[in-house]
């Protein structure tokens, strides 16, 4: 992977971390834990959790947001049948 940990860990402001997000989900698919993927990419653990699980609304301040990455449901039919 050609991604490296940011040297400067200061908050990035409104910059969209698209490269970091892609690297985070790639690491998650490779089997890394969320905490380890966050450390490697250089994001806060809470940010990784929000990317994974979405965001809930907070008393009128923020709108709810769905998870950024959702796994595709299995297309082989209902899983309760052995087939």
PDB file of N, CA and C in Angstrom:
ATOM      1  N   UNK A   1       0.853  -1.165   0.000  1.00  0.00           N
ATOM      2  CA  UNK A   1       0.000   0.000   0.000  1.00  0.00           C
ATOM      3  C   UNK A   1       0.903   1.232   0.000  1.00  0.00           C
ATOM      4  N   UNK A   2       0.538   2.239  -0.753  1.00  0.00           N
ATOM      5  CA  UNK A   2       1.361   3.438  -0.878  1.00  0.00           C
ATOM      6  C   UNK A   2       0.923   4.540   0.085  1.00  0.00           C
ATOM      7  N   UNK A   3       0.266   4.172   1.175  1.00  0.00           N
ATOM      8  CA  UNK A   3      -0.221   5.161   2.127  1.00  0.00           C
ATOM      9  C   UNK A   3       0.700   5.170   3.334  1.00  0.00           C
ATOM     10  N   UNK A   4       1.020   6.348   3.831  1.00  0.00           N
ATOM     11  CA  UNK A   4       1.873   6.443   5.009  1.00  0.00           C
ATOM     12  C   UNK A   4       1.204   7.314   6.068  1.00  0.00           C
ATOM     13  N   UNK A   5       1.606   7.127   7.299  1.00  0.00           N
ATOM     14  CA  UNK A   5       1.056   7.880   8.418  1.00  0.00           C
ATOM     15  C   UNK A   5       1.435   9.345   8.275  1.00  0.00           C
ATOM     16  N   UNK A   6       0.445  10.203   8.502  1.00  0.00           N
ATOM     17  CA  UNK A   6       0.721  11.648   8.449  1.00  0.00           C
ATOM     18  C   UNK A   6       1.686  12.012   9.563  1.00  0.00           C
ATOM     19  N   UNK A   7       2.656  12.819   9.245  1.00  0.00           N
ATOM     20  CA  UNK A   7       3.606  13.298  10.252  1.00  0.00           C
ATOM     21  C   UNK A   7       2.934  14.342  11.143  1.00  0.00           C
ATOM     22  N   UNK A   8       2.128  15.195  10.537  1.00  0.00           N
ATOM     23  CA  UNK A   8       1.443  16.262  11.251  1.00  0.00           C
ATOM     24  C   UNK A   8       0.068  15.747  11.674  1.00  0.00           C
ATOM     25  N   UNK A   9      -0.141  15.521  12.957  1.00  0.00           N
ATOM     26  CA  UNK A   9      -1.384  14.958  13.463  1.00  0.00           C
ATOM     27  C   UNK A   9      -2.404  16.022  13.870  1.00  0.00           C
ATOM     28  N   UNK A  10      -2.167  17.288  13.483  1.00  0.00           N
ATOM     29  CA  UNK A  10      -3.112  18.345  13.834  1.00  0.00           C
ATOM     30  C   UNK A  10      -4.418  18.166  13.061  1.00  0.00           C
ATOM     31  N   UNK A  11      -5.540  18.640  13.601  1.00  0.00           N
ATOM     32  CA  UNK A  11      -6.806  18.546  12.880  1.00  0.00           C
ATOM     33  C   UNK A  11      -6.700  19.222  11.513  1.00  0.00           C
ATOM     34  N   UNK A  12      -7.411  18.641  10.546  1.00  0.00           N
ATOM     35  CA  UNK A  12      -7.317  19.125   9.179  1.00  0.00           C
ATOM     36  C   UNK A  12      -8.381  20.152   8.823  1.00  0.00           C
ATOM     37  N   UNK A  13      -9.252  20.467   9.743  1.00  0.00           N
ATOM     38  CA  UNK A  13     -10.304  21.432   9.436  1.00  0.00           C
ATOM     39  C   UNK A  13     -11.355  20.820   8.523  1.00  0.00           C
ATOM     40  N   UNK A  14     -11.795  21.581   7.553  1.00  0.00           N
ATOM     41  CA  UNK A  14     -12.867  21.125   6.689  1.00  0.00           C
ATOM     42  C   UNK A  14     -12.393  20.296   5.498  1.00  0.00           C
ATOM     43  N   UNK A  15     -11.121  20.038   5.394  1.00  0.00           N
ATOM     44  CA  UNK A  15     -10.597  19.233   4.294  1.00  0.00           C
ATOM     45  C   UNK A  15     -11.206  17.836   4.357  1.00  0.00           C
ATOM     46  N   UNK A  16     -11.696  17.347   3.235  1.00  0.00           N
ATOM     47  CA  UNK A  16     -12.291  16.015   3.202  1.00  0.00           C
ATOM     48  C   UNK A  16     -11.188  14.966   3.127  1.00  0.00           C
ATOM     49  N   UNK A  17     -11.135  14.056   4.084  1.00  0.00           N
ATOM     50  CA  UNK A  17     -10.070  13.046   4.116  1.00  0.00           C
ATOM     51  C   UNK A  17     -10.403  11.835   3.247  1.00  0.00           C
ATOM     52  N   UNK A  18     -10.578  12.032   1.942  1.00  0.00           N
ATOM     53  CA  UNK A  18     -10.991  10.930   1.075  1.00  0.00           C
ATOM     54  C   UNK A  18      -9.917   9.852   0.961  1.00  0.00           C
ATOM     55  N   UNK A  19      -8.652  10.236   0.887  1.00  0.00           N
ATOM     56  CA  UNK A  19      -7.582   9.237   0.815  1.00  0.00           C
ATOM     57  C   UNK A  19      -7.513   8.433   2.107  1.00  0.00           C
ATOM     58  N   UNK A  20      -7.638   9.125   3.240  1.00  0.00           N
ATOM     59  CA  UNK A  20      -7.599   8.448   4.525  1.00  0.00           C
ATOM     60  C   UNK A  20      -8.769   7.475   4.671  1.00  0.00           C
ATOM     61  N   UNK A  21      -9.946   7.916   4.217  1.00  0.00           N
ATOM     62  CA  UNK A  21     -11.134   7.075   4.325  1.00  0.00           C
ATOM     63  C   UNK A  21     -10.971   5.809   3.473  1.00  0.00           C
ATOM     64  N   UNK A  22     -10.478   5.973   2.266  1.00  0.00           N
ATOM     65  CA  UNK A  22     -10.280   4.816   1.388  1.00  0.00           C
ATOM     66  C   UNK A  22      -9.250   3.855   1.986  1.00  0.00           C
ATOM     67  N   UNK A  23      -8.173   4.397   2.532  1.00  0.00           N
ATOM     68  CA  UNK A  23      -7.142   3.554   3.141  1.00  0.00           C
ATOM     69  C   UNK A  23      -7.689   2.851   4.376  1.00  0.00           C
ATOM     70  N   UNK A  24      -8.506   3.549   5.162  1.00  0.00           N
ATOM     71  CA  UNK A  24      -9.102   2.960   6.371  1.00  0.00           C
ATOM     72  C   UNK A  24      -9.953   1.751   6.001  1.00  0.00           C
ATOM     73  N   UNK A  25     -10.830   1.901   5.011  1.00  0.00           N
ATOM     74  CA  UNK A  25     -11.700   0.786   4.635  1.00  0.00           C
ATOM     75  C   UNK A  25     -10.917  -0.341   3.964  1.00  0.00           C
ATOM     76  N   UNK A  26      -9.859  -0.018   3.264  1.00  0.00           N
ATOM     77  CA  UNK A  26      -9.016  -1.051   2.671  1.00  0.00           C
ATOM     78  C   UNK A  26      -8.345  -1.880   3.775  1.00  0.00           C
ATOM     79  N   UNK A  27      -7.851  -1.209   4.798  1.00  0.00           N
ATOM     80  CA  UNK A  27      -7.238  -1.922   5.923  1.00  0.00           C
ATOM     81  C   UNK A  27      -8.263  -2.777   6.661  1.00  0.00           C
ATOM     82  N   UNK A  28      -9.470  -2.259   6.825  1.00  0.00           N
ATOM     83  CA  UNK A  28     -10.527  -3.017   7.495  1.00  0.00           C
ATOM     84  C   UNK A  28     -10.852  -4.286   6.699  1.00  0.00           C
ATOM     85  N   UNK A  29     -10.888  -4.178   5.369  1.00  0.00           N
ATOM     86  CA  UNK A  29     -11.171  -5.351   4.544  1.00  0.00           C
ATOM     87  C   UNK A  29     -10.032  -6.361   4.603  1.00  0.00           C
ATOM     88  N   UNK A  30      -8.828  -5.907   4.867  1.00  0.00           N
ATOM     89  CA  UNK A  30      -7.684  -6.802   4.978  1.00  0.00           C
ATOM     90  C   UNK A  30      -7.624  -7.495   6.337  1.00  0.00           C
ATOM     91  N   UNK A  31      -8.522  -7.130   7.255  1.00  0.00           N
ATOM     92  CA  UNK A  31      -8.599  -7.812   8.538  1.00  0.00           C
ATOM     93  C   UNK A  31      -8.026  -7.053   9.718  1.00  0.00           C
ATOM     94  N   UNK A  32      -7.608  -5.807   9.517  1.00  0.00           N
ATOM     95  CA  UNK A  32      -7.102  -5.012  10.644  1.00  0.00           C
ATOM     96  C   UNK A  32      -8.271  -4.610  11.534  1.00  0.00           C
ATOM     97  N   UNK A  33      -8.004  -4.422  12.810  1.00  0.00           N
ATOM     98  CA  UNK A  33      -9.034  -3.916  13.715  1.00  0.00           C
ATOM     99  C   UNK A  33      -9.252  -2.440  13.411  1.00  0.00           C
ATOM    100  N   UNK A  34     -10.366  -1.923  13.854  1.00  0.00           N
ATOM    101  CA  UNK A  34     -10.659  -0.509  13.619  1.00  0.00           C
ATOM    102  C   UNK A  34      -9.618   0.377  14.289  1.00  0.00           C
ATOM    103  N   UNK A  35      -9.243   0.037  15.505  1.00  0.00           N
ATOM    104  CA  UNK A  35      -8.255   0.835  16.242  1.00  0.00           C
ATOM    105  C   UNK A  35      -6.910   0.847  15.513  1.00  0.00           C
ATOM    106  N   UNK A  36      -6.484  -0.310  15.022  1.00  0.00           N
ATOM    107  CA  UNK A  36      -5.204  -0.402  14.320  1.00  0.00           C
ATOM    108  C   UNK A  36      -5.262   0.340  12.983  1.00  0.00           C
ATOM    109  N   UNK A  37      -6.373   0.215  12.265  1.00  0.00           N
ATOM    110  CA  UNK A  37      -6.519   0.923  10.990  1.00  0.00           C
ATOM    111  C   UNK A  37      -6.497   2.436  11.220  1.00  0.00           C
ATOM    112  N   UNK A  38      -7.146   2.904  12.282  1.00  0.00           N
ATOM    113  CA  UNK A  38      -7.133   4.333  12.601  1.00  0.00           C
ATOM    114  C   UNK A  38      -5.720   4.809  12.916  1.00  0.00           C
ATOM    115  N   UNK A  39      -4.965   4.011  13.652  1.00  0.00           N
ATOM    116  CA  UNK A  39      -3.601   4.390  13.997  1.00  0.00           C
ATOM    117  C   UNK A  39      -2.729   4.474  12.752  1.00  0.00           C
ATOM    118  N   UNK A  40      -2.852   3.502  11.858  1.00  0.00           N
ATOM    119  CA  UNK A  40      -2.036   3.484  10.649  1.00  0.00           C
ATOM    120  C   UNK A  40      -2.368   4.672   9.745  1.00  0.00           C
ATOM    121  N   UNK A  41      -3.655   4.947   9.581  1.00  0.00           N
ATOM    122  CA  UNK A  41      -4.076   6.028   8.693  1.00  0.00           C
ATOM    123  C   UNK A  41      -3.828   7.395   9.321  1.00  0.00           C
ATOM    124  N   UNK A  42      -3.899   7.483  10.643  1.00  0.00           N
ATOM    125  CA  UNK A  42      -3.659   8.749  11.326  1.00  0.00           C
ATOM    126  C   UNK A  42      -4.927   9.518  11.620  1.00  0.00           C
ATOM    127  N   UNK A  43      -5.999   8.792  11.910  1.00  0.00           N
ATOM    128  CA  UNK A  43      -7.263   9.436  12.268  1.00  0.00           C
ATOM    129  C   UNK A  43      -7.634   9.032  13.684  1.00  0.00           C
ATOM    130  N   UNK A  44      -8.566   9.763  14.265  1.00  0.00           N
ATOM    131  CA  UNK A  44      -9.046   9.453  15.601  1.00  0.00           C
ATOM    132  C   UNK A  44      -9.940   8.214  15.546  1.00  0.00           C
ATOM    133  N   UNK A  45      -9.944   7.435  16.609  1.00  0.00           N
ATOM    134  CA  UNK A  45     -10.768   6.226  16.677  1.00  0.00           C
ATOM    135  C   UNK A  45     -12.246   6.568  16.519  1.00  0.00           C
ATOM    136  N   UNK A  46     -12.654   7.703  17.053  1.00  0.00           N
ATOM    137  CA  UNK A  46     -14.058   8.118  16.935  1.00  0.00           C
ATOM    138  C   UNK A  46     -14.427   8.409  15.480  1.00  0.00           C
ATOM    139  N   UNK A  47     -13.485   8.933  14.712  1.00  0.00           N
ATOM    140  CA  UNK A  47     -13.740   9.182  13.291  1.00  0.00           C
ATOM    141  C   UNK A  47     -13.963   7.866  12.563  1.00  0.00           C
ATOM    142  N   UNK A  48     -13.123   6.883  12.829  1.00  0.00           N
ATOM    143  CA  UNK A  48     -13.300   5.563  12.215  1.00  0.00           C
ATOM    144  C   UNK A  48     -14.641   4.947  12.578  1.00  0.00           C
ATOM    145  N   UNK A  49     -15.040   5.114  13.825  1.00  0.00           N
ATOM    146  CA  UNK A  49     -16.330   4.579  14.267  1.00  0.00           C
ATOM    147  C   UNK A  49     -17.480   5.264  13.525  1.00  0.00           C
ATOM    148  N   UNK A  50     -17.377   6.568  13.334  1.00  0.00           N
ATOM    149  CA  UNK A  50     -18.413   7.304  12.611  1.00  0.00           C
ATOM    150  C   UNK A  50     -18.466   6.861  11.154  1.00  0.00           C
ATOM    151  N   UNK A  51     -17.309   6.669  10.537  1.00  0.00           N
ATOM    152  CA  UNK A  51     -17.293   6.207   9.146  1.00  0.00           C
ATOM    153  C   UNK A  51     -17.932   4.829   9.034  1.00  0.00           C
ATOM    154  N   UNK A  52     -17.683   3.953   9.994  1.00  0.00           N
ATOM    155  CA  UNK A  52     -18.217   2.599   9.964  1.00  0.00           C
ATOM    156  C   UNK A  52     -19.706   2.547  10.269  1.00  0.00           C
ATOM    157  N   UNK A  53     -20.140   3.260  11.302  1.00  0.00           N
ATOM    158  CA  UNK A  53     -21.500   3.106  11.820  1.00  0.00           C
ATOM    159  C   UNK A  53     -22.459   4.219  11.446  1.00  0.00           C
ATOM    160  N   UNK A  54     -21.980   5.293  10.874  1.00  0.00           N
ATOM    161  CA  UNK A  54     -22.845   6.430  10.594  1.00  0.00           C
ATOM    162  C   UNK A  54     -22.878   7.367  11.783  1.00  0.00           C
ATOM    163  N   UNK A  55     -23.751   8.357  11.722  1.00  0.00           N
ATOM    164  CA  UNK A  55     -23.824   9.370  12.776  1.00  0.00           C
ATOM    165  C   UNK A  55     -25.281   9.582  13.148  1.00  0.00           C
ATOM    166  N   UNK A  56     -25.540   9.670  14.430  1.00  0.00           N
ATOM    167  CA  UNK A  56     -26.894   9.927  14.925  1.00  0.00           C
ATOM    168  C   UNK A  56     -27.112  11.431  15.042  1.00  0.00           C
ATOM    169  N   UNK A  57     -28.368  11.842  14.960  1.00  0.00           N
ATOM    170  CA  UNK A  57     -28.692  13.256  15.112  1.00  0.00           C
ATOM    171  C   UNK A  57     -28.522  13.677  16.564  1.00  0.00           C
ATOM    172  N   UNK A  58     -28.076  14.910  16.789  1.00  0.00           N
ATOM    173  CA  UNK A  58     -27.878  15.449  18.132  1.00  0.00           C
ATOM    174  C   UNK A  58     -28.743  16.680  18.333  1.00  0.00           C
ATOM    175  N   UNK A  59     -29.832  16.554  19.000  1.00  0.00           N
ATOM    176  CA  UNK A  59     -30.697  17.662  19.424  1.00  0.00           C
ATOM    177  C   UNK A  59     -30.673  18.869  18.484  1.00  0.00           C
ATOM    178  N   UNK A  60     -30.917  18.651  17.219  1.00  0.00           N
ATOM    179  CA  UNK A  60     -31.060  19.745  16.276  1.00  0.00           C
ATOM    180  C   UNK A  60     -29.769  20.329  15.736  1.00  0.00           C
ATOM    181  N   UNK A  61     -28.618  19.937  16.255  1.00  0.00           N
ATOM    182  CA  UNK A  61     -27.362  20.522  15.778  1.00  0.00           C
ATOM    183  C   UNK A  61     -26.860  19.846  14.511  1.00  0.00           C
ATOM    184  N   UNK A  62     -26.938  18.544  14.447  1.00  0.00           N
ATOM    185  CA  UNK A  62     -26.425  17.814  13.303  1.00  0.00           C
ATOM    186  C   UNK A  62     -27.501  16.879  12.772  1.00  0.00           C
ATOM    187  N   UNK A  63     -27.453  16.652  11.475  1.00  0.00           N
ATOM    188  CA  UNK A  63     -28.350  15.679  10.874  1.00  0.00           C
ATOM    189  C   UNK A  63     -27.730  14.296  11.000  1.00  0.00           C
ATOM    190  N   UNK A  64     -28.580  13.297  11.024  1.00  0.00           N
ATOM    191  CA  UNK A  64     -28.087  11.925  11.053  1.00  0.00           C
ATOM    192  C   UNK A  64     -27.472  11.600   9.694  1.00  0.00           C
ATOM    193  N   UNK A  65     -26.513  10.699   9.679  1.00  0.00           N
ATOM    194  CA  UNK A  65     -25.867  10.280   8.434  1.00  0.00           C
ATOM    195  C   UNK A  65     -25.711   8.765   8.454  1.00  0.00           C
ATOM    196  N   UNK A  66     -25.974   8.118   7.316  1.00  0.00           N
ATOM    197  CA  UNK A  66     -25.806   6.665   7.264  1.00  0.00           C
ATOM    198  C   UNK A  66     -24.331   6.293   7.225  1.00  0.00           C
ATOM    199  N   UNK A  67     -24.006   5.025   7.452  1.00  0.00           N
ATOM    200  CA  UNK A  67     -22.604   4.602   7.324  1.00  0.00           C
ATOM    201  C   UNK A  67     -22.082   4.905   5.928  1.00  0.00           C
ATOM    202  N   UNK A  68     -20.805   5.197   5.830  1.00  0.00           N
ATOM    203  CA  UNK A  68     -20.216   5.538   4.540  1.00  0.00           C
ATOM    204  C   UNK A  68     -20.049   4.303   3.677  1.00  0.00           C
ATOM    205  N   UNK A  69     -19.651   3.204   4.289  1.00  0.00           N
ATOM    206  CA  UNK A  69     -19.421   1.972   3.541  1.00  0.00           C
ATOM    207  C   UNK A  69     -20.373   0.919   4.055  1.00  0.00           C
ATOM    208  N   UNK A  70     -21.144   0.336   3.157  1.00  0.00           N
ATOM    209  CA  UNK A  70     -22.048  -0.724   3.560  1.00  0.00           C
ATOM    210  C   UNK A  70     -21.720  -1.958   2.747  1.00  0.00           C
ATOM    211  N   UNK A  71     -21.627  -3.091   3.428  1.00  0.00           N
ATOM    212  CA  UNK A  71     -21.351  -4.330   2.715  1.00  0.00           C
ATOM    213  C   UNK A  71     -22.578  -4.743   1.921  1.00  0.00           C
ATOM    214  N   UNK A  72     -22.327  -5.266   0.744  1.00  0.00           N
ATOM    215  CA  UNK A  72     -23.422  -5.726  -0.110  1.00  0.00           C
ATOM    216  C   UNK A  72     -24.035  -6.988   0.490  1.00  0.00           C
ATOM    217  N   UNK A  73     -25.356  -7.087   0.469  1.00  0.00           N
ATOM    218  CA  UNK A  73     -25.982  -8.299   1.002  1.00  0.00           C
ATOM    219  C   UNK A  73     -25.649  -9.487   0.095  1.00  0.00           C
ATOM    220  N   UNK A  74     -25.611 -10.692   0.657  1.00  0.00           N
ATOM    221  CA  UNK A  74     -25.308 -11.857  -0.172  1.00  0.00           C
ATOM    222  C   UNK A  74     -26.378 -12.046  -1.241  1.00  0.00           C
ATOM    223  N   UNK A  75     -25.974 -12.308  -2.450  1.00  0.00           N
ATOM    224  CA  UNK A  75     -26.921 -12.424  -3.560  1.00  0.00           C
ATOM    225  C   UNK A  75     -27.245 -13.877  -3.880  1.00  0.00           C
ATOM    226  N   UNK A  76     -26.866 -14.799  -3.026  1.00  0.00           N
ATOM    227  CA  UNK A  76     -27.106 -16.214  -3.293  1.00  0.00           C
ATOM    228  C   UNK A  76     -28.453 -16.690  -2.743  1.00  0.00           C
ATOM    229  N   UNK A  77     -29.346 -15.780  -2.442  1.00  0.00           N
ATOM    230  CA  UNK A  77     -30.657 -16.165  -1.935  1.00  0.00           C
ATOM    231  C   UNK A  77     -30.701 -16.146  -0.431  1.00  0.00           C
ATOM    232  N   UNK A  78     -31.824 -16.565   0.127  1.00  0.00           N
ATOM    233  CA  UNK A  78     -31.958 -16.559   1.586  1.00  0.00           C
ATOM    234  C   UNK A  78     -30.920 -17.463   2.236  1.00  0.00           C
ATOM    235  N   UNK A  79     -30.316 -16.985   3.287  1.00  0.00           N
ATOM    236  CA  UNK A  79     -29.240 -17.741   3.942  1.00  0.00           C
ATOM    237  C   UNK A  79     -29.779 -18.777   4.930  1.00  0.00           C
ATOM    238  N   UNK A  80     -31.065 -18.757   5.219  1.00  0.00           N
ATOM    239  CA  UNK A  80     -31.577 -19.712   6.201  1.00  0.00           C
ATOM    240  C   UNK A  80     -31.791 -21.095   5.608  1.00  0.00           C
ATOM    241  N   UNK A  81     -31.750 -21.232   4.292  1.00  0.00           N
ATOM    242  CA  UNK A  81     -31.883 -22.523   3.638  1.00  0.00           C
ATOM    243  C   UNK A  81     -30.512 -23.073   3.299  1.00  0.00           C
ATOM    244  N   UNK A  82     -30.333 -24.348   3.509  1.00  0.00           N
ATOM    245  CA  UNK A  82     -29.048 -24.968   3.217  1.00  0.00           C
ATOM    246  C   UNK A  82     -28.850 -25.228   1.736  1.00  0.00           C
ATOM    247  N   UNK A  83     -29.940 -25.356   0.991  1.00  0.00           N
ATOM    248  CA  UNK A  83     -29.866 -25.465  -0.465  1.00  0.00           C
ATOM    249  C   UNK A  83     -29.564 -26.774  -0.912  1.00  0.00           C
TER     250      UNK A  83
END
